PDB file of N, CA and C in Angstrom:
ATOM      1  N   MET A   1     120.894 126.315 103.675  1.00  0.00           N
ATOM      2  CA  MET A   1     121.749 126.277 102.506  1.00  0.00           C
ATOM      3  C   MET A   1     122.650 127.515 102.502  1.00  0.00           C
ATOM      4  N   LYS A   2     123.895 127.327 102.113  1.00  0.00           N
ATOM      5  CA  LYS A   2     124.859 128.422 102.112  1.00  0.00           C
ATOM      6  C   LYS A   2     124.554 129.410 100.999  1.00  0.00           C
ATOM      7  N   ASP A   3     124.827 130.666 101.290  1.00  0.00           N
ATOM      8  CA  ASP A   3     124.642 131.727 100.311  1.00  0.00           C
ATOM      9  C   ASP A   3     126.025 132.185  99.870  1.00  0.00           C
ATOM     10  N   TYR A   4     126.408 131.862  98.658  1.00  0.00           N
ATOM     11  CA  TYR A   4     127.767 132.116  98.191  1.00  0.00           C
ATOM     12  C   TYR A   4     127.969 133.523  97.659  1.00  0.00           C
ATOM     13  N   GLU A   5     126.987 134.385  97.756  1.00  0.00           N
ATOM     14  CA  GLU A   5     127.132 135.772  97.328  1.00  0.00           C
ATOM     15  C   GLU A   5     127.530 136.671  98.493  1.00  0.00           C
ATOM     16  N   TYR A   6     127.621 136.107  99.698  1.00  0.00           N
ATOM     17  CA  TYR A   6     127.894 136.885 100.894  1.00  0.00           C
ATOM     18  C   TYR A   6     129.014 136.256 101.709  1.00  0.00           C
ATOM     19  N   TYR A   7     129.748 137.114 102.421  1.00  0.00           N
ATOM     20  CA  TYR A   7     130.715 136.657 103.414  1.00  0.00           C
ATOM     21  C   TYR A   7     130.031 136.685 104.774  1.00  0.00           C
ATOM     22  N   ILE A   8     130.275 135.675 105.564  1.00  0.00           N
ATOM     23  CA  ILE A   8     129.803 135.663 106.944  1.00  0.00           C
ATOM     24  C   ILE A   8     130.946 136.175 107.802  1.00  0.00           C
ATOM     25  N   ILE A   9     130.686 137.210 108.562  1.00  0.00           N
ATOM     26  CA  ILE A   9     131.702 137.851 109.390  1.00  0.00           C
ATOM     27  C   ILE A   9     131.322 137.649 110.862  1.00  0.00           C
ATOM     28  N   TRP A  10     132.048 136.796 111.558  1.00  0.00           N
ATOM     29  CA  TRP A  10     131.781 136.484 112.957  1.00  0.00           C
ATOM     30  C   TRP A  10     132.487 137.465 113.873  1.00  0.00           C
ATOM     31  N   LEU A  11     131.926 137.684 115.051  1.00  0.00           N
ATOM     32  CA  LEU A  11     132.557 138.531 116.065  1.00  0.00           C
ATOM     33  C   LEU A  11     133.919 137.983 116.487  1.00  0.00           C
ATOM     34  N   GLU A  12     134.059 136.684 116.525  1.00  0.00           N
ATOM     35  CA  GLU A  12     135.304 136.056 116.958  1.00  0.00           C
ATOM     36  C   GLU A  12     136.489 136.449 116.097  1.00  0.00           C
ATOM     37  N   TYR A  13     136.252 136.801 114.861  1.00  0.00           N
ATOM     38  CA  TYR A  13     137.342 137.184 113.964  1.00  0.00           C
ATOM     39  C   TYR A  13     138.123 138.384 114.484  1.00  0.00           C
ATOM     40  N   PHE A  14     137.507 139.216 115.332  1.00  0.00           N
ATOM     41  CA  PHE A  14     138.097 140.472 115.783  1.00  0.00           C
ATOM     42  C   PHE A  14     138.367 140.509 117.291  1.00  0.00           C
ATOM     43  N   ASN A  15     138.179 139.395 117.990  1.00  0.00           N
ATOM     44  CA  ASN A  15     138.300 139.356 119.448  1.00  0.00           C
ATOM     45  C   ASN A  15     139.752 139.135 119.860  1.00  0.00           C
ATOM     46  N   LYS A  16     140.334 140.119 120.517  1.00  0.00           N
ATOM     47  CA  LYS A  16     141.740 140.073 120.933  1.00  0.00           C
ATOM     48  C   LYS A  16     141.995 139.011 121.997  1.00  0.00           C
ATOM     49  N   ASN A  17     140.968 138.613 122.730  1.00  0.00           N
ATOM     50  CA  ASN A  17     141.120 137.599 123.780  1.00  0.00           C
ATOM     51  C   ASN A  17     141.331 136.198 123.212  1.00  0.00           C
ATOM     52  N   LEU A  18     141.025 135.997 121.950  1.00  0.00           N
ATOM     53  CA  LEU A  18     141.097 134.663 121.349  1.00  0.00           C
ATOM     54  C   LEU A  18     142.398 134.462 120.574  1.00  0.00           C
ATOM     55  N   SER A  19     142.826 133.216 120.538  1.00  0.00           N
ATOM     56  CA  SER A  19     143.974 132.867 119.705  1.00  0.00           C
ATOM     57  C   SER A  19     143.484 132.592 118.284  1.00  0.00           C
ATOM     58  N   LYS A  20     144.413 132.472 117.377  1.00  0.00           N
ATOM     59  CA  LYS A  20     144.034 132.159 115.991  1.00  0.00           C
ATOM     60  C   LYS A  20     143.333 130.803 115.917  1.00  0.00           C
ATOM     61  N   SER A  21     143.761 129.843 116.730  1.00  0.00           N
ATOM     62  CA  SER A  21     143.139 128.519 116.696  1.00  0.00           C
ATOM     63  C   SER A  21     141.723 128.521 117.261  1.00  0.00           C
ATOM     64  N   LYS A  22     141.392 129.538 118.052  1.00  0.00           N
ATOM     65  CA  LYS A  22     140.032 129.654 118.599  1.00  0.00           C
ATOM     66  C   LYS A  22     139.113 130.485 117.716  1.00  0.00           C
ATOM     67  N   GLY A  23     139.656 131.080 116.634  1.00  0.00           N
ATOM     68  CA  GLY A  23     138.758 131.755 115.708  1.00  0.00           C
ATOM     69  C   GLY A  23     139.141 133.156 115.282  1.00  0.00           C
ATOM     70  N   ARG A  24     140.136 133.780 115.930  1.00  0.00           N
ATOM     71  CA  ARG A  24     140.510 135.134 115.513  1.00  0.00           C
ATOM     72  C   ARG A  24     141.161 135.067 114.135  1.00  0.00           C
ATOM     73  N   LYS A  25     140.768 135.968 113.230  1.00  0.00           N
ATOM     74  CA  LYS A  25     141.287 135.958 111.859  1.00  0.00           C
ATOM     75  C   LYS A  25     142.189 137.145 111.550  1.00  0.00           C
ATOM     76  N   VAL A  26     142.091 138.219 112.323  1.00  0.00           N
ATOM     77  CA  VAL A  26     142.926 139.395 112.080  1.00  0.00           C
ATOM     78  C   VAL A  26     144.050 139.407 113.115  1.00  0.00           C
ATOM     79  N   SER A  27     145.092 140.183 112.842  1.00  0.00           N
ATOM     80  CA  SER A  27     146.225 140.242 113.756  1.00  0.00           C
ATOM     81  C   SER A  27     145.807 140.882 115.072  1.00  0.00           C
ATOM     82  N   LYS A  28     146.600 140.643 116.109  1.00  0.00           N
ATOM     83  CA  LYS A  28     146.271 141.218 117.420  1.00  0.00           C
ATOM     84  C   LYS A  28     146.305 142.736 117.386  1.00  0.00           C
ATOM     85  N   GLY A  29     147.130 143.307 116.511  1.00  0.00           N
ATOM     86  CA  GLY A  29     147.192 144.759 116.391  1.00  0.00           C
ATOM     87  C   GLY A  29     145.935 145.365 115.806  1.00  0.00           C
ATOM     88  N   ARG A  30     145.184 144.581 115.058  1.00  0.00           N
ATOM     89  CA  ARG A  30     143.938 145.060 114.449  1.00  0.00           C
ATOM     90  C   ARG A  30     142.701 144.582 115.186  1.00  0.00           C
ATOM     91  N   SER A  31     142.865 143.827 116.246  1.00  0.00           N
ATOM     92  CA  SER A  31     141.705 143.292 116.958  1.00  0.00           C
ATOM     93  C   SER A  31     141.426 144.114 118.215  1.00  0.00           C
ATOM     94  N   VAL A  32     140.250 143.902 118.785  1.00  0.00           N
ATOM     95  CA  VAL A  32     139.818 144.626 119.983  1.00  0.00           C
ATOM     96  C   VAL A  32     139.332 143.616 121.025  1.00  0.00           C
ATOM     97  N   PHE A  33     139.241 144.056 122.270  1.00  0.00           N
ATOM     98  CA  PHE A  33     138.735 143.190 123.326  1.00  0.00           C
ATOM     99  C   PHE A  33     137.214 143.146 123.275  1.00  0.00           C
ATOM    100  N   ASP A  34     136.669 141.963 123.194  1.00  0.00           N
ATOM    101  CA  ASP A  34     135.231 141.698 123.261  1.00  0.00           C
ATOM    102  C   ASP A  34     134.373 142.647 122.426  1.00  0.00           C
ATOM    103  N   PRO A  35     134.436 142.554 121.104  1.00  0.00           N
ATOM    104  CA  PRO A  35     133.588 143.403 120.267  1.00  0.00           C
ATOM    105  C   PRO A  35     132.113 143.016 120.404  1.00  0.00           C
ATOM    106  N   SER A  36     131.239 143.984 120.191  1.00  0.00           N
ATOM    107  CA  SER A  36     129.796 143.713 120.244  1.00  0.00           C
ATOM    108  C   SER A  36     129.245 143.674 118.819  1.00  0.00           C
ATOM    109  N   ILE A  37     128.074 143.124 118.678  1.00  0.00           N
ATOM    110  CA  ILE A  37     127.447 143.022 117.353  1.00  0.00           C
ATOM    111  C   ILE A  37     127.113 144.412 116.814  1.00  0.00           C
ATOM    112  N   ASP A  38     126.738 145.347 117.694  1.00  0.00           N
ATOM    113  CA  ASP A  38     126.441 146.716 117.259  1.00  0.00           C
ATOM    114  C   ASP A  38     127.692 147.409 116.728  1.00  0.00           C
ATOM    115  N   GLU A  39     128.825 147.186 117.404  1.00  0.00           N
ATOM    116  CA  GLU A  39     130.090 147.749 116.924  1.00  0.00           C
ATOM    117  C   GLU A  39     130.483 147.150 115.582  1.00  0.00           C
ATOM    118  N   LEU A  40     130.236 145.862 115.418  1.00  0.00           N
ATOM    119  CA  LEU A  40     130.566 145.196 114.157  1.00  0.00           C
ATOM    120  C   LEU A  40     129.718 145.745 113.010  1.00  0.00           C
ATOM    121  N   ILE A  41     128.445 145.977 113.257  1.00  0.00           N
ATOM    122  CA  ILE A  41     127.565 146.541 112.234  1.00  0.00           C
ATOM    123  C   ILE A  41     128.018 147.945 111.865  1.00  0.00           C
ATOM    124  N   GLU A  42     128.329 148.754 112.888  1.00  0.00           N
ATOM    125  CA  GLU A  42     128.781 150.122 112.646  1.00  0.00           C
ATOM    126  C   GLU A  42     130.110 150.135 111.886  1.00  0.00           C
ATOM    127  N   ALA A  43     131.022 149.232 112.244  1.00  0.00           N
ATOM    128  CA  ALA A  43     132.321 149.156 111.574  1.00  0.00           C
ATOM    129  C   ALA A  43     132.164 148.717 110.117  1.00  0.00           C
ATOM    130  N   ALA A  44     131.264 147.781 109.858  1.00  0.00           N
ATOM    131  CA  ALA A  44     131.029 147.341 108.487  1.00  0.00           C
ATOM    132  C   ALA A  44     130.500 148.492 107.639  1.00  0.00           C
ATOM    133  N   ARG A  45     129.584 149.261 108.183  1.00  0.00           N
ATOM    134  CA  ARG A  45     129.053 150.415 107.447  1.00  0.00           C
ATOM    135  C   ARG A  45     130.122 151.473 107.224  1.00  0.00           C
ATOM    136  N   LEU A  46     130.961 151.699 108.229  1.00  0.00           N
ATOM    137  CA  LEU A  46     132.047 152.669 108.112  1.00  0.00           C
ATOM    138  C   LEU A  46     133.067 152.226 107.053  1.00  0.00           C
ATOM    139  N   ALA A  47     133.246 150.925 106.911  1.00  0.00           N
ATOM    140  CA  ALA A  47     134.183 150.381 105.924  1.00  0.00           C
ATOM    141  C   ALA A  47     133.573 150.318 104.523  1.00  0.00           C
ATOM    142  N   GLY A  48     132.291 150.628 104.409  1.00  0.00           N
ATOM    143  CA  GLY A  48     131.655 150.670 103.100  1.00  0.00           C
ATOM    144  C   GLY A  48     130.824 149.457 102.748  1.00  0.00           C
ATOM    145  N   TYR A  49     130.499 148.645 103.723  1.00  0.00           N
ATOM    146  CA  TYR A  49     129.685 147.446 103.488  1.00  0.00           C
ATOM    147  C   TYR A  49     128.357 147.590 104.200  1.00  0.00           C
ATOM    148  N   GLU A  50     127.308 147.141 103.574  1.00  0.00           N
ATOM    149  CA  GLU A  50     125.986 147.177 104.191  1.00  0.00           C
ATOM    150  C   GLU A  50     125.644 145.764 104.653  1.00  0.00           C
ATOM    151  N   PRO A  51     125.524 145.540 105.966  1.00  0.00           N
ATOM    152  CA  PRO A  51     125.170 144.202 106.449  1.00  0.00           C
ATOM    153  C   PRO A  51     123.803 143.782 105.925  1.00  0.00           C
ATOM    154  N   ASN A  52     123.767 142.634 105.286  1.00  0.00           N
ATOM    155  CA  ASN A  52     122.532 142.122 104.715  1.00  0.00           C
ATOM    156  C   ASN A  52     121.706 141.385 105.760  1.00  0.00           C
ATOM    157  N   ASP A  53     122.370 140.622 106.591  1.00  0.00           N
ATOM    158  CA  ASP A  53     121.688 139.830 107.604  1.00  0.00           C
ATOM    159  C   ASP A  53     122.493 139.920 108.891  1.00  0.00           C
ATOM    160  N   VAL A  54     121.812 140.004 110.007  1.00  0.00           N
ATOM    161  CA  VAL A  54     122.459 140.069 111.313  1.00  0.00           C
ATOM    162  C   VAL A  54     121.862 138.979 112.179  1.00  0.00           C
ATOM    163  N   ASN A  55     122.717 138.183 112.820  1.00  0.00           N
ATOM    164  CA  ASN A  55     122.259 137.151 113.735  1.00  0.00           C
ATOM    165  C   ASN A  55     123.072 137.283 115.013  1.00  0.00           C
ATOM    166  N   ASP A  56     122.447 137.769 116.069  1.00  0.00           N
ATOM    167  CA  ASP A  56     123.170 137.957 117.320  1.00  0.00           C
ATOM    168  C   ASP A  56     122.962 136.820 118.313  1.00  0.00           C
ATOM    169  N   LYS A  57     122.302 135.762 117.883  1.00  0.00           N
ATOM    170  CA  LYS A  57     122.051 134.626 118.761  1.00  0.00           C
ATOM    171  C   LYS A  57     122.796 133.362 118.310  1.00  0.00           C
ATOM    172  N   ALA A  58     123.609 133.490 117.287  1.00  0.00           N
ATOM    173  CA  ALA A  58     124.322 132.327 116.748  1.00  0.00           C
ATOM    174  C   ALA A  58     125.518 131.970 117.625  1.00  0.00           C
ATOM    175  N   HIS A  59     125.963 130.748 117.520  1.00  0.00           N
ATOM    176  CA  HIS A  59     127.128 130.248 118.244  1.00  0.00           C
ATOM    177  C   HIS A  59     128.218 129.925 117.237  1.00  0.00           C
ATOM    178  N   TYR A  60     129.393 130.514 117.436  1.00  0.00           N
ATOM    179  CA  TYR A  60     130.521 130.234 116.560  1.00  0.00           C
ATOM    180  C   TYR A  60     130.904 128.764 116.732  1.00  0.00           C
ATOM    181  N   PRO A  61     131.104 128.018 115.652  1.00  0.00           N
ATOM    182  CA  PRO A  61     131.324 126.572 115.755  1.00  0.00           C
ATOM    183  C   PRO A  61     132.488 126.152 116.663  1.00  0.00           C
ATOM    184  N   ARG A  62     133.565 126.895 116.688  1.00  0.00           N
ATOM    185  CA  ARG A  62     134.703 126.520 117.541  1.00  0.00           C
ATOM    186  C   ARG A  62     134.463 126.847 119.003  1.00  0.00           C
ATOM    187  N   ARG A  63     133.464 127.671 119.290  1.00  0.00           N
ATOM    188  CA  ARG A  63     133.114 128.042 120.663  1.00  0.00           C
ATOM    189  C   ARG A  63     131.609 127.900 120.842  1.00  0.00           C
ATOM    190  N   ALA A  64     131.125 126.699 120.684  1.00  0.00           N
ATOM    191  CA  ALA A  64     129.687 126.447 120.687  1.00  0.00           C
ATOM    192  C   ALA A  64     129.031 126.729 122.036  1.00  0.00           C
ATOM    193  N   TYR A  65     129.812 126.825 123.088  1.00  0.00           N
ATOM    194  CA  TYR A  65     129.282 127.058 124.430  1.00  0.00           C
ATOM    195  C   TYR A  65     129.031 128.543 124.712  1.00  0.00           C
ATOM    196  N   THR A  66     129.466 129.434 123.824  1.00  0.00           N
ATOM    197  CA  THR A  66     129.281 130.877 124.029  1.00  0.00           C
ATOM    198  C   THR A  66     128.426 131.462 122.919  1.00  0.00           C
ATOM    199  N   ARG A  67     127.528 132.324 123.289  1.00  0.00           N
ATOM    200  CA  ARG A  67     126.727 133.019 122.290  1.00  0.00           C
ATOM    201  C   ARG A  67     127.593 134.081 121.637  1.00  0.00           C
ATOM    202  N   SER A  68     127.490 134.174 120.352  1.00  0.00           N
ATOM    203  CA  SER A  68     128.312 135.119 119.614  1.00  0.00           C
ATOM    204  C   SER A  68     127.401 135.922 118.695  1.00  0.00           C
ATOM    205  N   GLY A  69     127.684 135.887 117.422  1.00  0.00           N
ATOM    206  CA  GLY A  69     126.877 136.575 116.437  1.00  0.00           C
ATOM    207  C   GLY A  69     127.673 136.808 115.177  1.00  0.00           C
ATOM    208  N   TYR A  70     126.963 137.083 114.099  1.00  0.00           N
ATOM    209  CA  TYR A  70     127.626 137.360 112.836  1.00  0.00           C
ATOM    210  C   TYR A  70     126.789 138.301 111.993  1.00  0.00           C
ATOM    211  N   ILE A  71     127.450 138.874 110.998  1.00  0.00           N
ATOM    212  CA  ILE A  71     126.758 139.655 109.980  1.00  0.00           C
ATOM    213  C   ILE A  71     127.133 139.060 108.631  1.00  0.00           C
ATOM    214  N   MET A  72     126.327 139.352 107.635  1.00  0.00           N
ATOM    215  CA  MET A  72     126.635 138.923 106.272  1.00  0.00           C
ATOM    216  C   MET A  72     126.792 140.164 105.410  1.00  0.00           C
ATOM    217  N   VAL A  73     127.894 140.222 104.647  1.00  0.00           N
ATOM    218  CA  VAL A  73     128.128 141.331 103.732  1.00  0.00           C
ATOM    219  C   VAL A  73     128.336 140.778 102.327  1.00  0.00           C
ATOM    220  N   LYS A  74     127.904 141.555 101.357  1.00  0.00           N
ATOM    221  CA  LYS A  74     127.989 141.143  99.954  1.00  0.00           C
ATOM    222  C   LYS A  74     129.446 141.062  99.505  1.00  0.00           C
ATOM    223  N   LYS A  75     129.766 140.018  98.738  1.00  0.00           N
ATOM    224  CA  LYS A  75     131.117 139.851  98.214  1.00  0.00           C
ATOM    225  C   LYS A  75     131.411 140.918  97.174  1.00  0.00           C
ATOM    226  N   GLU A  76     132.680 141.327  97.114  1.00  0.00           N
ATOM    227  CA  GLU A  76     133.121 142.294  96.124  1.00  0.00           C
ATOM    228  C   GLU A  76     133.666 141.565  94.904  1.00  0.00           C
ATOM    229  N   GLU A  77     133.590 142.216  93.786  1.00  0.00           N
ATOM    230  CA  GLU A  77     134.178 141.673  92.562  1.00  0.00           C
ATOM    231  C   GLU A  77     135.699 141.729  92.703  1.00  0.00           C
ATOM    232  N   GLY A  78     136.355 140.591  92.619  1.00  0.00           N
ATOM    233  CA  GLY A  78     137.810 140.534  92.685  1.00  0.00           C
ATOM    234  C   GLY A  78     138.394 140.770  94.064  1.00  0.00           C
ATOM    235  N   GLY A  79     137.565 140.814  95.094  1.00  0.00           N
ATOM    236  CA  GLY A  79     138.049 141.035  96.453  1.00  0.00           C
ATOM    237  C   GLY A  79     138.200 139.714  97.192  1.00  0.00           C
ATOM    238  N   SER A  80     138.832 139.773  98.339  1.00  0.00           N
ATOM    239  CA  SER A  80     138.981 138.574  99.161  1.00  0.00           C
ATOM    240  C   SER A  80     138.387 138.830 100.538  1.00  0.00           C
ATOM    241  N   LYS A  81     138.098 137.756 101.240  1.00  0.00           N
ATOM    242  CA  LYS A  81     137.511 137.894 102.563  1.00  0.00           C
ATOM    243  C   LYS A  81     138.507 138.530 103.530  1.00  0.00           C
ATOM    244  N   SER A  82     139.784 138.210 103.389  1.00  0.00           N
ATOM    245  CA  SER A  82     140.773 138.802 104.292  1.00  0.00           C
ATOM    246  C   SER A  82     140.865 140.310 104.099  1.00  0.00           C
ATOM    247  N   ARG A  83     140.707 140.795 102.891  1.00  0.00           N
ATOM    248  CA  ARG A  83     140.708 142.240 102.645  1.00  0.00           C
ATOM    249  C   ARG A  83     139.494 142.893 103.309  1.00  0.00           C
ATOM    250  N   VAL A  84     138.346 142.252 103.199  1.00  0.00           N
ATOM    251  CA  VAL A  84     137.128 142.757 103.846  1.00  0.00           C
ATOM    252  C   VAL A  84     137.307 142.773 105.363  1.00  0.00           C
ATOM    253  N   LEU A  85     137.864 141.695 105.919  1.00  0.00           N
ATOM    254  CA  LEU A  85     138.075 141.624 107.365  1.00  0.00           C
ATOM    255  C   LEU A  85     139.024 142.715 107.844  1.00  0.00           C
ATOM    256  N   ASN A  86     140.079 142.982 107.089  1.00  0.00           N
ATOM    257  CA  ASN A  86     141.031 144.016 107.487  1.00  0.00           C
ATOM    258  C   ASN A  86     140.411 145.411 107.439  1.00  0.00           C
ATOM    259  N   LYS A  87     139.573 145.667 106.435  1.00  0.00           N
ATOM    260  CA  LYS A  87     138.891 146.964 106.370  1.00  0.00           C
ATOM    261  C   LYS A  87     137.938 147.140 107.555  1.00  0.00           C
ATOM    262  N   ILE A  88     137.192 146.095 107.876  1.00  0.00           N
ATOM    263  CA  ILE A  88     136.261 146.164 109.006  1.00  0.00           C
ATOM    264  C   ILE A  88     137.033 146.283 110.317  1.00  0.00           C
ATOM    265  N   ALA A  89     138.161 145.578 110.431  1.00  0.00           N
ATOM    266  CA  ALA A  89     138.975 145.658 111.649  1.00  0.00           C
ATOM    267  C   ALA A  89     139.510 147.067 111.855  1.00  0.00           C
ATOM    268  N   ASP A  90     139.970 147.703 110.796  1.00  0.00           N
ATOM    269  CA  ASP A  90     140.458 149.083 110.904  1.00  0.00           C
ATOM    270  C   ASP A  90     139.330 150.033 111.327  1.00  0.00           C
ATOM    271  N   ALA A  91     138.148 149.829 110.771  1.00  0.00           N
ATOM    272  CA  ALA A  91     136.997 150.658 111.146  1.00  0.00           C
ATOM    273  C   ALA A  91     136.605 150.408 112.603  1.00  0.00           C
ATOM    274  N   LEU A  92     136.707 149.167 113.040  1.00  0.00           N
ATOM    275  CA  LEU A  92     136.396 148.821 114.429  1.00  0.00           C
ATOM    276  C   LEU A  92     137.370 149.499 115.389  1.00  0.00           C
ATOM    277  N   LEU A  93     138.640 149.569 114.999  1.00  0.00           N
ATOM    278  CA  LEU A  93     139.627 150.278 115.818  1.00  0.00           C
ATOM    279  C   LEU A  93     139.315 151.771 115.891  1.00  0.00           C
ATOM    280  N   GLN A  94     138.848 152.359 114.775  1.00  0.00           N
ATOM    281  CA  GLN A  94     138.467 153.769 114.778  1.00  0.00           C
ATOM    282  C   GLN A  94     137.311 154.014 115.737  1.00  0.00           C
ATOM    283  N   ILE A  95     136.340 153.132 115.710  1.00  0.00           N
ATOM    284  CA  ILE A  95     135.173 153.259 116.594  1.00  0.00           C
ATOM    285  C   ILE A  95     135.597 153.172 118.047  1.00  0.00           C
ATOM    286  N   ARG A  96     136.444 152.210 118.363  1.00  0.00           N
ATOM    287  CA  ARG A  96     136.914 152.053 119.736  1.00  0.00           C
ATOM    288  C   ARG A  96     137.752 153.241 120.200  1.00  0.00           C
ATOM    289  N   SER A  97     138.551 153.805 119.306  1.00  0.00           N
ATOM    290  CA  SER A  97     139.383 154.943 119.709  1.00  0.00           C
ATOM    291  C   SER A  97     138.535 156.184 119.974  1.00  0.00           C
ATOM    292  N   LYS A  98     137.393 156.318 119.292  1.00  0.00           N
ATOM    293  CA  LYS A  98     136.493 157.455 119.515  1.00  0.00           C
ATOM    294  C   LYS A  98     135.790 157.346 120.867  1.00  0.00           C
ATOM    295  N   LYS A  99     135.558 156.102 121.339  1.00  0.00           N
ATOM    296  CA  LYS A  99     134.848 155.901 122.588  1.00  0.00           C
ATOM    297  C   LYS A  99     135.687 156.234 123.805  1.00  0.00           C
ATOM    298  N   LYS A 100     136.994 156.251 123.646  1.00  0.00           N
ATOM    299  CA  LYS A 100     137.880 156.518 124.804  1.00  0.00           C
ATOM    300  C   LYS A 100     137.943 157.963 125.153  1.00  0.00           C
TER     301      LYS A 100
END
């Protein structure tokens, strides 16, 4: 059963290798190549969200042949999912820039 108090944030939303029709939700300028679930968790925490549930064995519906993963973050009052995705994407870019 769906939990409507949380947003599900898939790795595919931030993957620069994917087109929008394959699942990417943020712009190419805010996306990274092949994000990992650990990076996504760290980026969510850096953006101010605490992942409630982590599933690293799930398959994104549009790419059922590849193992992916997702996290769940609590919805904000008056916020939108796209705003949450953009904050996490910016944090993910910060993490990637530190690794270089």
